[in-house]
Amino acid sequence: MPSGHHITKTRKPKRRIQYSPENLRLFRYKYCISQGALSSILDVYPSAISVWELGRGFPSESQIQDIESLLNLEESEICSILSVKAPKCLDDINRFKLTKETVRRFCKRNAISLDGLACLLGLSESTVEQWGGGQYPTIEHHKALTHLMELPKEELKAKIESLVPKKFRIRKKNKKQVREYLIKVRKKYQINQKELALLINVCVASIAQWESGRCYPSEEHLAAVKKLARLSERKVDSMLFEKKLAKLFNSKESIAIPAPAAGSGKTISINPAKI
C-alpha cells in the first residue's frame, strides 16, 4: 500500500425513525412516558395520542414532523424536555404496573430485603421504599429495575451473592425442617402437641398445622421453641406442671388431690373458683 494513504472508516448514518402508531407507542414504553406527558410535549390533547396509537386517526403533516423529531432525539435531550414540559409524568410507570407490591414480591421471590434491593441498584432504602407510595422511580432507576427483573435466575442469584450483604438476605422458610425440629423437641422432653402448645402459649391447632407443614410458625413462636429446647428436662417438667396448675385454677374444673390421711387412698375435690 502506498505511503501517505490512510483508510478512513465511514460511519453509517443513523437510521431515521419514521412515524407509525407502533413507533410512537414503543417510544412511550421505552421512556416510561404516559399519553398525558407526550401530549404536553407535542401540545395536543391526550385523546389525540390515544387515537393515533390505535390507528383510528392520523396526525397532520406538521405534527408528524414534530413526532419524528422527538423520536430521533438523544436520550439526554428527551429527559431534559420531559423535566421542563412534563416533570410529574417523568416517572410514569402505569404501563409497567410497577407498584410497591410488585417490588416486595420481587424481594420475597429472591429472598432479599428492601435494603438488599437498594444494594443491587446502588440506591438508598428510603428511595426504594417510596416507590409505589406516591413516588416512582426515575427513568434511569426504572430501567435498572426492569433489567434486574428480566435477568436469568442464575445470573440474578450470582449478582445477589456478590452485591448484597448477608444481613440483607432472608432465609427461605423450610417447612419440612421446622416440622422435624418440632417433633425432635417433643421427643426430647416426651411431651405431646397439647403440652408443647401450653409451654409456648399457642393453641394445639397451631402445633398440628406446623408439624403437618400446612403453615409456618412466626419468628416469635419459633424463637420460643428454640429457647425451650435449650432448657433441661427437669426445668421443662417444672414449667409444664406450673402451667397445667395455673390453667386448672383459671378454669371451673375441680382438682383431685390426695387426702391428708396417709395410706387412705381417698381424694378430696376442690373447685378453684370457690376458693
Protein backbone atom coordinates (compact mmCIF):
# COMPACT_ATOMS: atom_id res chain seq x y z
CA MET A 1 0.00 0.00 0.00
CA PRO A 2 1.49 3.38 -0.97
CA SER A 3 2.60 5.50 1.95
CA GLY A 4 0.63 8.59 2.77
CA HIS A 5 -2.68 6.92 2.04
CA HIS A 6 -4.97 6.35 5.00
CA ILE A 7 -8.15 4.35 5.08
CA THR A 8 -10.91 6.27 6.75
CA LYS A 9 -13.85 4.32 8.13
CA THR A 10 -17.09 5.95 7.18
CA ARG A 11 -19.80 5.71 9.79
CA LYS A 12 -23.16 4.55 8.62
CA PRO A 13 -25.69 7.32 9.11
CA LYS A 14 -28.13 6.61 11.90
CA ARG A 15 -31.34 5.22 10.55
CA ARG A 16 -34.08 7.78 10.95
CA ILE A 17 -37.14 6.55 12.80
CA GLN A 18 -40.30 7.21 10.83
CA TYR A 19 -43.67 7.92 12.39
CA SER A 20 -46.03 4.98 12.89
CA PRO A 21 -48.53 4.16 15.66
CA GLU A 22 -46.26 1.31 16.79
CA ASN A 23 -43.12 3.51 16.89
CA LEU A 24 -44.99 6.13 18.89
CA ARG A 25 -46.17 3.53 21.38
CA LEU A 26 -42.70 1.94 21.67
CA PHE A 27 -41.20 5.37 22.28
CA ARG A 28 -43.54 5.92 25.24
CA TYR A 29 -42.83 2.47 26.67
CA LYS A 30 -39.08 2.91 26.30
CA TYR A 31 -39.03 6.13 28.31
CA CYS A 32 -41.97 5.34 30.62
CA ILE A 33 -43.93 8.32 29.27
CA SER A 34 -47.70 8.50 29.69
CA GLN A 35 -50.02 9.66 26.94
CA GLY A 36 -50.62 12.81 29.01
CA ALA A 37 -46.90 13.57 29.15
CA LEU A 38 -46.48 13.05 25.41
CA SER A 39 -49.46 15.29 24.69
CA SER A 40 -47.85 18.03 26.82
CA ILE A 41 -44.65 17.78 24.78
CA LEU A 42 -46.44 17.84 21.41
CA ASP A 43 -49.05 20.44 22.52
CA VAL A 44 -52.04 18.26 21.60
CA TYR A 45 -54.95 16.76 23.53
CA PRO A 46 -54.21 13.44 25.38
CA SER A 47 -57.08 11.83 23.45
CA ALA A 48 -55.20 12.56 20.19
CA ILE A 49 -52.27 10.37 21.31
CA SER A 50 -54.67 7.53 22.11
CA VAL A 51 -56.36 7.86 18.69
CA TRP A 52 -53.01 7.90 16.87
CA GLU A 53 -51.67 4.83 18.71
CA LEU A 54 -54.83 2.87 17.96
CA GLY A 55 -54.64 3.83 14.29
CA ARG A 56 -58.07 5.42 14.33
CA GLY A 57 -56.72 8.77 13.26
CA PHE A 58 -53.56 10.38 11.90
CA PRO A 59 -51.61 13.50 12.87
CA SER A 60 -51.19 16.37 10.44
CA GLU A 61 -48.01 16.78 8.41
CA SER A 62 -46.58 19.37 10.82
CA GLN A 63 -47.42 17.09 13.79
CA ILE A 64 -45.72 14.14 12.06
CA GLN A 65 -42.58 16.27 11.66
CA ASP A 66 -42.67 17.14 15.38
CA ILE A 67 -43.18 13.48 16.34
CA GLU A 68 -40.33 12.27 14.12
CA SER A 69 -38.03 14.97 15.52
CA LEU A 70 -38.87 13.73 19.01
CA LEU A 71 -38.39 10.05 18.10
CA ASN A 72 -34.89 10.77 16.78
CA LEU A 73 -33.61 12.81 19.72
CA GLU A 74 -30.88 11.53 22.07
CA GLU A 75 -31.97 10.20 25.46
CA SER A 76 -30.41 13.12 27.36
CA GLU A 77 -32.35 15.60 25.20
CA ILE A 78 -35.62 13.73 25.79
CA CYS A 79 -35.03 13.75 29.57
CA SER A 80 -34.36 17.49 29.55
CA ILE A 81 -37.58 18.11 27.56
CA LEU A 82 -39.56 15.95 29.98
CA SER A 83 -38.13 17.71 33.03
CA VAL A 84 -39.41 21.05 31.64
CA LYS A 85 -42.70 20.17 29.94
CA ALA A 86 -43.91 17.17 31.96
CA PRO A 87 -41.91 16.84 35.24
CA LYS A 88 -44.70 15.00 37.06
CA CYS A 89 -45.01 12.45 34.28
CA LEU A 90 -41.28 11.85 34.08
CA ASP A 91 -41.62 8.85 36.39
CA ASP A 92 -44.80 7.43 34.90
CA ILE A 93 -44.83 3.64 35.32
CA ASN A 94 -48.51 2.80 34.91
CA ARG A 95 -47.82 0.86 31.72
CA PHE A 96 -45.46 -1.48 33.58
CA LYS A 97 -47.72 -1.85 36.63
CA LEU A 98 -44.69 -1.35 38.90
CA THR A 99 -46.23 -0.89 42.36
CA LYS A 100 -44.84 -1.25 45.86
CA GLU A 101 -46.38 -4.73 45.94
CA THR A 102 -44.52 -5.71 42.74
CA VAL A 103 -41.23 -4.62 44.30
CA ARG A 104 -41.99 -6.51 47.52
CA ARG A 105 -42.90 -9.69 45.59
CA PHE A 106 -39.61 -9.46 43.69
CA CYS A 107 -37.73 -9.16 47.01
CA LYS A 108 -39.64 -12.06 48.54
CA ARG A 109 -39.09 -14.28 45.48
CA ASN A 110 -35.35 -13.66 45.63
CA ALA A 111 -35.10 -13.79 49.45
CA ILE A 112 -33.75 -10.24 49.92
CA SER A 113 -34.95 -7.25 51.91
CA LEU A 114 -35.61 -3.77 50.51
CA ASP A 115 -32.10 -2.90 51.75
CA GLY A 116 -30.82 -5.75 49.59
CA LEU A 117 -32.66 -4.42 46.53
CA ALA A 118 -31.23 -0.97 47.23
CA CYS A 119 -27.74 -2.53 47.27
CA LEU A 120 -28.39 -4.17 43.89
CA LEU A 121 -29.47 -0.84 42.39
CA GLY A 122 -26.92 1.29 44.23
CA LEU A 123 -29.64 3.34 45.96
CA SER A 124 -30.77 4.10 49.50
CA GLU A 125 -33.53 2.03 51.13
CA SER A 126 -35.68 5.16 51.62
CA THR A 127 -35.69 5.70 47.84
CA VAL A 128 -36.82 2.12 47.17
CA GLU A 129 -39.38 2.27 50.00
CA GLN A 130 -41.09 5.28 48.40
CA TRP A 131 -41.75 3.54 45.06
CA GLY A 132 -45.42 2.83 44.65
CA GLY A 133 -46.33 5.01 47.61
CA GLY A 134 -46.92 8.20 45.66
CA GLN A 135 -43.42 8.41 44.22
CA TYR A 136 -41.99 6.43 41.32
CA PRO A 137 -38.53 5.54 40.01
CA THR A 138 -36.82 7.92 37.64
CA ILE A 139 -36.31 6.74 34.05
CA GLU A 140 -32.77 5.55 34.87
CA HIS A 141 -33.88 3.72 38.04
CA HIS A 142 -36.85 2.19 36.26
CA LYS A 143 -34.61 0.85 33.50
CA ALA A 144 -32.19 -0.60 36.06
CA LEU A 145 -35.05 -2.25 37.96
CA THR A 146 -36.74 -3.74 34.90
CA HIS A 147 -33.35 -5.01 33.69
CA LEU A 148 -32.84 -6.63 37.08
CA MET A 149 -36.26 -8.31 36.95
CA GLU A 150 -35.58 -9.68 33.47
CA LEU A 151 -32.21 -11.26 34.35
CA PRO A 152 -31.93 -15.09 34.19
CA LYS A 153 -32.32 -16.76 37.57
CA GLU A 154 -28.70 -17.92 37.84
CA GLU A 155 -27.29 -14.54 36.83
CA LEU A 156 -29.52 -12.74 39.33
CA LYS A 157 -28.51 -15.17 42.08
CA ALA A 158 -24.81 -14.54 41.37
CA LYS A 159 -25.44 -10.78 41.45
CA ILE A 160 -27.19 -11.06 44.82
CA GLU A 161 -24.36 -13.12 46.30
CA SER A 162 -21.73 -10.63 45.14
CA LEU A 163 -23.52 -7.34 45.92
CA VAL A 164 -25.98 -7.97 48.75
CA PRO A 165 -24.55 -8.40 52.30
CA LYS A 166 -25.75 -11.47 54.21
CA LYS A 167 -27.65 -9.35 56.73
CA PHE A 168 -29.96 -8.20 53.90
CA ARG A 169 -30.69 -11.74 52.69
CA ILE A 170 -33.74 -13.55 54.02
CA ARG A 171 -33.54 -17.23 54.77
CA LYS A 172 -36.26 -19.10 52.94
CA LYS A 173 -38.69 -20.93 55.18
CA ASN A 174 -38.21 -24.69 55.17
CA LYS A 175 -41.47 -26.20 56.44
CA LYS A 176 -40.09 -29.75 56.42
CA GLN A 177 -37.11 -28.74 58.55
CA VAL A 178 -39.37 -26.96 61.06
CA ARG A 179 -41.69 -29.98 61.25
CA GLU A 180 -38.77 -32.29 62.04
CA TYR A 181 -37.40 -29.84 64.60
CA LEU A 182 -40.72 -29.60 66.49
CA ILE A 183 -41.08 -33.40 66.61
CA LYS A 184 -37.48 -33.68 67.82
CA VAL A 185 -38.14 -31.20 70.65
CA ARG A 186 -41.30 -33.06 71.71
CA LYS A 187 -39.48 -36.39 71.74
CA LYS A 188 -36.62 -34.91 73.76
CA TYR A 189 -38.95 -33.89 76.59
CA GLN A 190 -41.51 -36.69 75.98
CA ILE A 191 -44.39 -34.24 75.59
CA ASN A 192 -47.36 -34.22 73.22
CA GLN A 193 -48.61 -31.42 70.98
CA LYS A 194 -51.01 -30.16 73.63
CA GLU A 195 -48.23 -29.83 76.19
CA LEU A 196 -45.88 -28.08 73.75
CA ALA A 197 -48.68 -25.64 72.90
CA LEU A 198 -49.14 -24.94 76.62
CA LEU A 199 -45.42 -24.30 77.10
CA ILE A 200 -45.11 -21.72 74.31
CA ASN A 201 -48.61 -20.21 74.77
CA VAL A 202 -50.26 -21.17 71.47
CA CYS A 203 -53.28 -23.31 70.61
CA VAL A 204 -52.91 -27.02 69.85
CA ALA A 205 -54.18 -26.48 66.29
CA SER A 206 -51.14 -24.27 65.56
CA ILE A 207 -48.71 -27.03 66.58
CA ALA A 208 -50.65 -29.53 64.47
CA GLN A 209 -50.52 -27.24 61.42
CA TRP A 210 -46.80 -26.55 61.84
CA GLU A 211 -45.99 -30.24 62.10
CA SER A 212 -48.18 -31.10 59.12
CA GLY A 213 -46.46 -28.42 57.00
CA ARG A 214 -49.69 -26.51 56.29
CA CYS A 215 -48.23 -23.30 57.69
CA TYR A 216 -45.04 -21.85 59.17
CA PRO A 217 -44.59 -20.52 62.72
CA SER A 218 -43.84 -16.84 63.23
CA GLU A 219 -40.33 -15.76 64.19
CA GLU A 220 -41.57 -15.12 67.74
CA HIS A 221 -43.03 -18.62 68.16
CA LEU A 222 -40.01 -20.29 66.57
CA ALA A 223 -37.75 -18.36 68.95
CA ALA A 224 -39.90 -19.59 71.88
CA VAL A 225 -39.44 -23.22 70.79
CA LYS A 226 -35.67 -22.73 70.41
CA LYS A 227 -35.50 -21.16 73.87
CA LEU A 228 -37.42 -24.12 75.27
CA ALA A 229 -35.05 -26.60 73.57
CA ARG A 230 -32.09 -25.12 75.48
CA LEU A 231 -33.63 -25.91 78.89
CA SER A 232 -33.04 -29.06 80.94
CA GLU A 233 -35.70 -31.78 81.15
CA ARG A 234 -36.20 -31.03 84.84
CA LYS A 235 -36.83 -27.35 84.14
CA VAL A 236 -39.31 -28.16 81.36
CA ASP A 237 -41.18 -30.61 83.64
CA SER A 238 -41.38 -27.92 86.32
CA MET A 239 -42.66 -25.32 83.82
CA LEU A 240 -45.22 -27.76 82.46
CA PHE A 241 -46.51 -28.57 85.96
CA GLU A 242 -46.86 -24.85 86.78
CA LYS A 243 -48.65 -24.14 83.51
CA LYS A 244 -51.09 -27.02 84.00
CA LEU A 245 -51.77 -25.94 87.57
CA ALA A 246 -52.35 -22.32 86.52
CA LYS A 247 -54.69 -23.47 83.75
CA LEU A 248 -56.71 -25.57 86.20
CA PHE A 249 -57.02 -22.70 88.67
CA ASN A 250 -58.21 -20.42 85.88
CA SER A 251 -60.83 -22.95 84.82
CA LYS A 252 -64.03 -24.10 86.56
CA GLU A 253 -62.92 -27.74 86.78
CA SER A 254 -62.39 -29.49 90.10
CA ILE A 255 -58.89 -30.63 91.08
CA ALA A 256 -58.46 -34.06 92.67
CA ILE A 257 -55.68 -34.03 95.30
CA PRO A 258 -54.64 -36.79 97.74
CA ALA A 259 -56.33 -36.80 101.16
CA PRO A 260 -54.11 -35.88 104.14
CA ALA A 261 -54.70 -39.28 105.76
CA ALA A 262 -51.69 -41.41 104.83
CA GLY A 263 -52.48 -44.65 103.06
CA SER A 264 -56.22 -43.98 102.99
CA GLY A 265 -56.30 -43.76 99.19
CA LYS A 266 -59.09 -41.17 99.36
CA THR A 267 -59.16 -37.91 97.39
CA ILE A 268 -60.73 -34.54 98.10
CA SER A 269 -62.28 -32.49 95.25
CA ILE A 270 -61.79 -28.75 95.37
CA ASN A 271 -63.36 -26.22 92.99
CA PRO A 272 -60.75 -23.45 92.43
CA ALA A 273 -63.48 -20.94 91.54
CA LYS A 274 -64.88 -21.16 95.10
CA ILE A 275 -61.54 -20.64 96.85
